[in-house]
Amino acid sequence: MINTGIIGTGKVAHLHAAALVKNPNSNFTAVLGRTPDRTQAFADEYGVKAFTDLNAYLNESGVQASTVCTPHPAHVDSAVAALESGMHLLIEKPLASSLEHCDAMLAAAEKGHAKLGMCCQRRYYEPVVRVKEAIEAGKIGKPILGMVTMLGWRDQDYYDSDPWRGTWSEEGGGVLVNQAVHQLDLLLWFMGEVDQVCGMWGNLNHPGIEVEDTAVASIKFKSGAMGHILVSNSFNPALFGKVSVLGNTGAKVGVQTDGGQMFIAGMAAIEEPPLNDFWTIPGEEPLLETFRAEDTQQFKEINPMEYYHHLQISDFIDAVENDREPSVTGQEGRNAVELFTAIYRSGRDGKTIQFPLEAEVDRDDFDGRLRAED
């Protein structure tokens, strides 16, 4: 068995704990938190040992693999030391809020010969897997257009639920960093490497927060394909989150990953099943209703808030046991950060951003997020 632990005791940490408890190859051993009382309460709930000191956690807990559930800009604080010590880490999305932090973690993983992955459990949704398999099987021909549309809503109560939400320093960004990163990861998974991005972003109707609530971007992929992104937390009520891909045969496949009220760990459940919304592969058009019926039934039979975390965390434990790469690697986590970083920089510079991107260590405007008027 692998001795496992959790860094961070926030809302999503309970989903990780449930997965670690259920996995037969996981010996859930310890938790590391900042606040003694809260950390001890979390530890007592799951029968594990509580730590509030990082060095003690690394040297005394016996943990071999840990998940990280701290706020995004804080991931690097514990991750670098843990990875350099040889502890394997699966980090909640996004991998970090900056490329500088991503690069520090990737270097630490290499130095410590440790596995590094990003938790992006929507890759395990059945309709998402179906889209990926159709693309890889060549059923739509060559992918030529990828689209992300996420029309969600976050009210002030959401931002007030944790002191770190809605701030550049503690959350690292808004809809791009926290909500849409799942769909951005899927877009990259389906379409491949990016060549150029032109984008803009802003805060349209959330005066009580610092971060962006809306962003749009156009993409040119290295394959020659194009892409479009429209993501927003400004639609009340929330509508959906979708990713779709068009092939050069004219066939289109797509998935609605989120419908209605968006899932918020510890605050709101997943209300609607993820479903394929487009399936125009010649000869397979009638399968769409079958897929939708199957996935709706599956949704009724599982706890969707825990089930897909369980699948990805189980994959990570298996990767540690069998010395292989996890399903979502640290580099893939960086790729998603690179994509939203390009949108921030494009908005700042008023121009198309060429890939690959390097960390901006000689500027203090947080990739253009800290504008002069802010």
Protein backbone atom coordinates (compact mmCIF):
# COMPACT_ATOMS: atom_id res chain seq x y z
CA MET A 1 0.00 0.00 0.00
CA ILE A 2 1.00 3.60 -0.59
CA ASN A 3 0.97 5.91 2.44
CA THR A 4 -1.10 8.90 1.32
CA GLY A 5 -1.87 12.35 2.68
CA ILE A 6 -3.50 15.66 1.91
CA ILE A 7 -2.02 19.16 2.01
CA GLY A 8 -4.79 21.64 2.74
CA THR A 9 -8.09 21.24 4.59
CA GLY A 10 -10.48 23.31 2.48
CA LYS A 11 -13.78 22.21 0.96
CA VAL A 12 -12.37 20.15 -1.89
CA ALA A 13 -10.03 18.30 0.49
CA HIS A 14 -13.01 16.28 1.71
CA LEU A 15 -13.53 14.90 -1.81
CA HIS A 16 -9.88 13.88 -1.87
CA ALA A 17 -10.15 12.30 1.56
CA ALA A 18 -13.15 10.23 0.48
CA ALA A 19 -11.18 8.95 -2.52
CA LEU A 20 -8.10 8.14 -0.46
CA VAL A 21 -10.18 6.25 2.10
CA LYS A 22 -11.92 4.16 -0.58
CA ASN A 23 -8.85 3.22 -2.60
CA PRO A 24 -7.62 -0.26 -1.54
CA ASN A 25 -4.01 0.66 -2.32
CA SER A 26 -4.10 3.86 -0.26
CA ASN A 27 -3.20 4.02 3.41
CA PHE A 28 -4.54 7.50 4.20
CA THR A 29 -2.13 8.59 6.92
CA ALA A 30 -1.88 12.34 7.49
CA VAL A 31 -3.07 15.84 6.70
CA LEU A 32 -1.13 19.12 6.66
CA GLY A 33 -2.98 22.36 7.36
CA ARG A 34 -2.30 25.92 8.47
CA THR A 35 -4.77 26.25 11.34
CA PRO A 36 -4.26 23.83 14.26
CA ASP A 37 -7.91 23.51 15.32
CA ARG A 38 -9.23 23.09 11.77
CA THR A 39 -6.46 20.66 10.85
CA GLN A 40 -7.05 18.56 13.95
CA ALA A 41 -10.80 18.46 13.29
CA PHE A 42 -10.14 17.29 9.72
CA ALA A 43 -7.69 14.66 10.96
CA ASP A 44 -10.13 13.41 13.58
CA GLU A 45 -12.90 13.06 10.99
CA TYR A 46 -10.79 10.68 8.90
CA GLY A 47 -8.68 9.06 11.61
CA VAL A 48 -5.35 10.40 10.38
CA LYS A 49 -2.49 12.34 11.95
CA ALA A 50 -2.57 16.16 11.92
CA PHE A 51 0.43 18.31 10.99
CA THR A 52 0.77 22.08 10.81
CA ASP A 53 4.52 22.16 10.07
CA LEU A 54 5.66 21.29 6.55
CA ASN A 55 9.04 19.86 7.59
CA ALA A 56 7.37 17.61 10.14
CA TYR A 57 4.87 16.45 7.52
CA LEU A 58 7.67 15.61 5.10
CA ASN A 59 9.94 13.93 7.62
CA GLU A 60 7.64 12.33 10.19
CA SER A 61 4.32 11.46 8.52
CA GLY A 62 5.54 8.59 6.39
CA VAL A 63 3.46 9.93 3.48
CA GLN A 64 4.70 8.82 0.06
CA ALA A 65 2.06 10.44 -2.14
CA SER A 66 -0.03 13.49 -1.33
CA THR A 67 -2.75 15.54 -2.93
CA VAL A 68 -2.61 19.34 -2.66
CA CYS A 69 -5.81 21.28 -1.95
CA THR A 70 -4.54 24.71 -0.91
CA PRO A 71 -5.48 27.95 -2.76
CA HIS A 72 -3.81 28.13 -6.18
CA PRO A 73 -1.02 30.68 -5.51
CA ALA A 74 -0.06 28.72 -2.38
CA HIS A 75 0.52 25.42 -4.19
CA VAL A 76 4.19 26.17 -4.75
CA ASP A 77 4.88 26.86 -1.06
CA SER A 78 4.57 23.23 -0.05
CA ALA A 79 4.96 21.53 -3.44
CA VAL A 80 8.59 22.40 -4.14
CA ALA A 81 9.84 21.09 -0.80
CA ALA A 82 7.64 18.01 -0.99
CA LEU A 83 8.67 17.10 -4.54
CA GLU A 84 12.36 17.67 -3.83
CA SER A 85 12.04 15.28 -0.88
CA GLY A 86 10.67 12.61 -3.22
CA MET A 87 7.01 12.90 -2.25
CA HIS A 88 4.68 12.38 -5.20
CA LEU A 89 2.02 15.09 -5.64
CA LEU A 90 -1.36 15.34 -7.33
CA ILE A 91 -2.31 19.03 -7.27
CA GLU A 92 -5.84 20.39 -7.54
CA LYS A 93 -6.41 22.46 -10.66
CA PRO A 94 -4.86 24.70 -11.74
CA LEU A 95 -1.31 23.48 -11.23
CA ALA A 96 -0.42 27.05 -10.19
CA SER A 97 -1.46 30.59 -10.96
CA SER A 98 1.81 31.49 -12.71
CA LEU A 99 4.31 29.89 -15.06
CA GLU A 100 7.09 30.71 -12.61
CA HIS A 101 5.43 28.51 -9.98
CA CYS A 102 4.76 25.76 -12.52
CA ASP A 103 8.39 25.70 -13.61
CA ALA A 104 9.59 25.59 -10.00
CA MET A 105 7.39 22.55 -9.32
CA LEU A 106 8.42 20.74 -12.50
CA ALA A 107 12.09 21.29 -11.65
CA ALA A 108 11.53 20.07 -8.10
CA ALA A 109 9.79 16.93 -9.35
CA GLU A 110 12.73 16.17 -11.62
CA LYS A 111 15.19 16.79 -8.81
CA GLY A 112 13.32 14.57 -6.37
CA HIS A 113 12.42 11.89 -8.96
CA ALA A 114 8.79 12.40 -7.94
CA LYS A 115 5.54 12.10 -9.86
CA LEU A 116 3.66 15.36 -10.43
CA GLY A 117 0.10 15.49 -11.72
CA MET A 118 -2.85 17.88 -11.89
CA CYS A 119 -6.34 16.94 -10.76
CA CYS A 120 -8.70 17.54 -13.70
CA GLN A 121 -11.37 14.93 -13.07
CA ARG A 122 -13.60 16.01 -15.95
CA ARG A 123 -11.28 14.04 -18.25
CA TYR A 124 -12.92 10.97 -16.74
CA TYR A 125 -16.48 11.95 -17.64
CA GLU A 126 -17.89 9.30 -19.95
CA PRO A 127 -18.97 11.76 -22.70
CA VAL A 128 -15.54 13.44 -22.52
CA VAL A 129 -13.78 10.11 -22.98
CA ARG A 130 -16.12 9.38 -25.88
CA VAL A 131 -15.10 12.62 -27.64
CA LYS A 132 -11.40 11.92 -27.12
CA GLU A 133 -11.69 8.39 -28.45
CA ALA A 134 -13.64 9.55 -31.51
CA ILE A 135 -10.96 12.13 -32.33
CA GLU A 136 -8.13 9.64 -31.89
CA ALA A 137 -9.93 7.08 -34.05
CA GLY A 138 -10.15 9.62 -36.87
CA LYS A 139 -13.94 9.57 -36.91
CA ILE A 140 -14.19 13.31 -37.60
CA GLY A 141 -11.11 13.46 -39.79
CA LYS A 142 -8.54 16.07 -38.81
CA PRO A 143 -9.67 18.41 -35.99
CA ILE A 144 -9.87 21.90 -37.48
CA LEU A 145 -11.88 23.93 -34.93
CA GLY A 146 -12.10 23.61 -31.15
CA MET A 147 -14.50 25.65 -29.04
CA VAL A 148 -14.96 26.31 -25.33
CA THR A 149 -18.10 28.08 -24.16
CA MET A 150 -18.71 28.42 -20.43
CA LEU A 151 -21.57 30.67 -19.38
CA GLY A 152 -21.67 30.48 -15.60
CA TRP A 153 -22.56 32.55 -12.58
CA ARG A 154 -20.89 33.33 -9.27
CA ASP A 155 -22.62 35.59 -6.77
CA GLN A 156 -21.04 37.62 -3.98
CA ASP A 157 -21.89 34.92 -1.43
CA TYR A 158 -19.58 32.60 -3.33
CA TYR A 159 -16.69 35.04 -3.16
CA ASP A 160 -17.39 35.73 0.50
CA SER A 161 -17.34 32.01 1.36
CA ASP A 162 -13.54 31.99 1.64
CA PRO A 163 -11.26 34.98 2.24
CA TRP A 164 -8.98 34.04 -0.66
CA ARG A 165 -11.66 34.09 -3.35
CA GLY A 166 -11.86 36.97 -5.82
CA THR A 167 -8.37 38.34 -5.10
CA TRP A 168 -5.27 38.36 -7.28
CA SER A 169 -2.93 37.53 -4.41
CA GLU A 170 -4.91 34.64 -2.94
CA GLU A 171 -6.88 33.18 -5.87
CA GLY A 172 -4.55 34.21 -8.66
CA GLY A 173 -7.32 34.97 -11.12
CA GLY A 174 -11.00 34.58 -11.80
CA VAL A 175 -12.95 32.59 -14.35
CA LEU A 176 -9.84 31.64 -16.35
CA VAL A 177 -7.87 30.35 -13.38
CA ASN A 178 -10.54 28.79 -11.20
CA GLN A 179 -13.62 27.80 -13.19
CA ALA A 180 -12.75 27.45 -16.89
CA VAL A 181 -9.39 25.73 -16.44
CA HIS A 182 -11.20 22.37 -16.68
CA GLN A 183 -12.55 23.23 -20.14
CA LEU A 184 -9.21 24.75 -21.20
CA ASP A 185 -7.50 21.49 -20.25
CA LEU A 186 -10.01 19.50 -22.31
CA LEU A 187 -9.55 21.81 -25.30
CA LEU A 188 -5.79 21.21 -25.22
CA TRP A 189 -6.32 17.47 -24.72
CA PHE A 190 -8.52 17.34 -27.80
CA MET A 191 -6.68 19.81 -30.06
CA GLY A 192 -2.98 19.61 -29.18
CA GLU A 193 -0.29 22.25 -28.88
CA VAL A 194 -0.95 25.97 -29.26
CA ASP A 195 0.91 28.27 -31.65
CA GLN A 196 -0.72 31.68 -31.03
CA VAL A 197 -3.37 33.28 -28.82
CA CYS A 198 -5.14 36.63 -29.05
CA GLY A 199 -7.47 37.44 -26.16
CA MET A 200 -9.01 39.95 -23.82
CA TRP A 201 -10.58 39.84 -20.39
CA GLY A 202 -12.36 42.02 -17.87
CA ASN A 203 -14.64 42.31 -14.87
CA LEU A 204 -18.09 43.08 -16.27
CA ASN A 205 -20.55 42.79 -13.39
CA HIS A 206 -18.73 41.82 -10.18
CA PRO A 207 -17.62 45.10 -8.57
CA GLY A 208 -16.96 43.38 -5.24
CA ILE A 209 -13.98 41.36 -6.50
CA GLU A 210 -10.60 42.13 -8.07
CA VAL A 211 -10.35 39.32 -10.63
CA GLU A 212 -11.84 38.89 -14.10
CA ASP A 213 -15.30 37.42 -14.54
CA THR A 214 -15.20 37.17 -18.36
CA ALA A 215 -12.63 36.34 -21.05
CA VAL A 216 -12.61 35.69 -24.78
CA ALA A 217 -9.78 34.43 -27.01
CA SER A 218 -8.93 33.14 -30.47
CA ILE A 219 -6.37 30.38 -30.91
CA LYS A 220 -4.19 29.03 -33.68
CA PHE A 221 -2.94 25.52 -32.94
CA LYS A 222 0.35 24.14 -34.22
CA SER A 223 -1.63 21.67 -36.33
CA GLY A 224 -3.09 24.61 -38.26
CA ALA A 225 -6.47 24.24 -36.55
CA MET A 226 -8.22 27.21 -34.97
CA GLY A 227 -10.04 27.64 -31.67
CA HIS A 228 -12.36 29.96 -29.82
CA ILE A 229 -12.85 30.54 -26.08
CA LEU A 230 -15.71 32.38 -24.38
CA VAL A 231 -15.87 31.96 -20.61
CA SER A 232 -17.79 34.01 -18.08
CA ASN A 233 -19.15 34.03 -14.54
CA SER A 234 -21.57 36.79 -15.51
CA PHE A 235 -24.65 34.80 -16.63
CA ASN A 236 -27.39 34.63 -14.00
CA PRO A 237 -28.67 31.96 -13.86
CA ALA A 238 -25.75 29.82 -15.03
CA LEU A 239 -26.31 28.05 -18.32
CA PHE A 240 -23.59 25.55 -19.24
CA GLY A 241 -19.96 24.70 -19.89
CA LYS A 242 -19.22 23.08 -23.26
CA VAL A 243 -16.28 21.88 -25.34
CA SER A 244 -16.73 20.86 -28.96
CA VAL A 245 -14.52 19.88 -31.88
CA LEU A 246 -15.20 20.11 -35.61
CA GLY A 247 -13.32 17.89 -38.06
CA ASN A 248 -12.40 18.54 -41.68
CA THR A 249 -15.08 16.06 -42.75
CA GLY A 250 -17.69 18.46 -41.36
CA ALA A 251 -18.48 16.10 -38.48
CA LYS A 252 -18.69 17.58 -35.00
CA VAL A 253 -18.46 16.02 -31.53
CA GLY A 254 -19.05 17.86 -28.29
CA VAL A 255 -19.66 17.56 -24.59
CA GLN A 256 -21.57 19.66 -22.10
CA THR A 257 -19.39 19.13 -19.05
CA ASP A 258 -21.53 21.34 -16.80
CA GLY A 259 -25.17 22.38 -16.89
CA GLY A 260 -27.09 24.85 -14.79
CA GLN A 261 -25.65 25.71 -11.38
CA MET A 262 -21.93 25.05 -11.55
CA PHE A 263 -20.44 22.57 -9.08
CA ILE A 264 -18.74 24.17 -6.07
CA ALA A 265 -17.02 21.77 -3.66
CA GLY A 266 -18.68 21.92 -0.28
CA MET A 267 -21.27 24.46 -1.44
CA ALA A 268 -23.25 23.19 -4.45
CA ALA A 269 -23.78 19.75 -5.94
CA ILE A 270 -23.50 18.70 -9.57
CA GLU A 271 -27.07 19.17 -10.71
CA GLU A 272 -27.02 17.92 -14.31
CA PRO A 273 -25.18 14.96 -15.83
CA PRO A 274 -22.36 15.61 -18.29
CA LEU A 275 -23.69 14.74 -21.75
CA ASN A 276 -22.65 14.71 -25.38
CA ASP A 277 -24.47 17.62 -27.03
CA PHE A 278 -23.17 17.05 -30.59
CA TRP A 279 -22.43 13.78 -32.39
CA THR A 280 -22.63 14.13 -36.19
CA ILE A 281 -20.21 11.39 -37.20
CA PRO A 282 -21.64 9.87 -40.41
CA GLY A 283 -23.59 6.73 -39.55
CA GLU A 284 -23.39 7.38 -35.79
CA GLU A 285 -25.88 10.22 -35.47
CA PRO A 286 -28.56 8.00 -33.84
CA LEU A 287 -26.08 7.05 -31.09
CA LEU A 288 -26.39 10.49 -29.49
CA GLU A 289 -29.68 9.66 -27.78
CA THR A 290 -28.27 6.32 -26.61
CA PHE A 291 -25.20 8.04 -25.16
CA ARG A 292 -27.35 10.60 -23.39
CA ALA A 293 -29.63 7.95 -21.90
CA GLU A 294 -26.66 5.88 -20.68
CA ASP A 295 -24.91 8.86 -19.13
CA THR A 296 -28.07 10.11 -17.45
CA GLN A 297 -28.58 6.69 -15.87
CA GLN A 298 -24.94 6.55 -14.80
CA PHE A 299 -25.31 9.96 -13.16
CA LYS A 300 -28.22 8.65 -11.07
CA GLU A 301 -26.25 5.62 -9.84
CA ILE A 302 -23.12 7.38 -8.58
CA ASN A 303 -22.13 10.27 -6.36
CA PRO A 304 -20.76 12.49 -9.15
CA MET A 305 -19.06 14.84 -6.71
CA GLU A 306 -16.82 12.02 -5.45
CA TYR A 307 -16.80 9.43 -8.23
CA TYR A 308 -14.57 11.17 -10.77
CA HIS A 309 -12.12 12.43 -8.15
CA HIS A 310 -11.90 8.82 -7.02
CA LEU A 311 -11.06 7.68 -10.56
CA GLN A 312 -8.27 10.22 -11.02
CA ILE A 313 -6.78 9.79 -7.57
CA SER A 314 -6.81 6.02 -8.10
CA ASP A 315 -4.95 6.54 -11.37
CA PHE A 316 -2.35 8.64 -9.57
CA ILE A 317 -1.80 6.02 -6.87
CA ASP A 318 -1.42 3.38 -9.59
CA ALA A 319 1.10 5.62 -11.40
CA VAL A 320 3.17 5.81 -8.21
CA GLU A 321 2.96 2.06 -7.65
CA ASN A 322 3.89 1.17 -11.23
CA ASP A 323 6.37 3.99 -11.91
CA ARG A 324 4.50 5.51 -14.84
CA GLU A 325 3.21 8.96 -15.71
CA PRO A 326 -0.19 9.95 -14.26
CA SER A 327 -3.12 10.51 -16.61
CA VAL A 328 -2.76 14.31 -16.32
CA THR A 329 0.92 15.18 -15.97
CA GLY A 330 2.53 18.21 -14.41
CA GLN A 331 3.55 19.37 -17.89
CA GLU A 332 -0.07 19.19 -19.05
CA GLY A 333 -0.97 21.23 -15.98
CA ARG A 334 1.57 23.83 -17.07
CA ASN A 335 0.08 23.86 -20.57
CA ALA A 336 -3.28 24.98 -19.19
CA VAL A 337 -1.58 27.70 -17.15
CA GLU A 338 0.35 28.76 -20.26
CA LEU A 339 -2.94 29.14 -22.15
CA PHE A 340 -4.65 31.40 -19.63
CA THR A 341 -1.39 33.31 -19.10
CA ALA A 342 -1.33 34.07 -22.82
CA ILE A 343 -4.86 35.52 -22.61
CA TYR A 344 -3.83 37.79 -19.73
CA ARG A 345 -0.70 38.95 -21.57
CA SER A 346 -2.58 39.49 -24.83
CA GLY A 347 -5.04 41.73 -23.00
CA ARG A 348 -2.15 43.67 -21.50
CA ASP A 349 -0.07 44.01 -24.64
CA GLY A 350 -2.88 44.36 -27.18
CA LYS A 351 -1.33 41.81 -29.49
CA THR A 352 -1.19 38.15 -30.42
CA ILE A 353 0.98 36.07 -28.09
CA GLN A 354 3.35 33.56 -29.66
CA PHE A 355 4.01 30.22 -27.97
CA PRO A 356 5.89 28.85 -26.10
CA LEU A 357 5.73 31.24 -23.15
CA GLU A 358 8.42 31.72 -20.55
CA ALA A 359 7.86 32.97 -17.02
CA GLU A 360 8.14 36.75 -16.69
CA VAL A 361 10.53 37.06 -13.77
CA ASP A 362 11.53 40.65 -14.61
CA ARG A 363 8.01 42.15 -14.29
CA ASP A 364 5.74 42.64 -11.29
CA ASP A 365 2.38 43.00 -13.05
CA PHE A 366 1.44 39.31 -12.69
CA ASP A 367 1.32 38.65 -16.44
CA GLY A 368 -0.76 41.76 -16.98
CA ARG A 369 -3.37 40.95 -14.35
CA LEU A 370 -2.32 43.90 -12.21
CA ARG A 371 -3.22 46.73 -14.56
CA ALA A 372 -2.17 50.29 -13.86
CA GLU A 373 -5.75 51.37 -13.12
CA ASP A 374 -6.08 48.60 -10.53
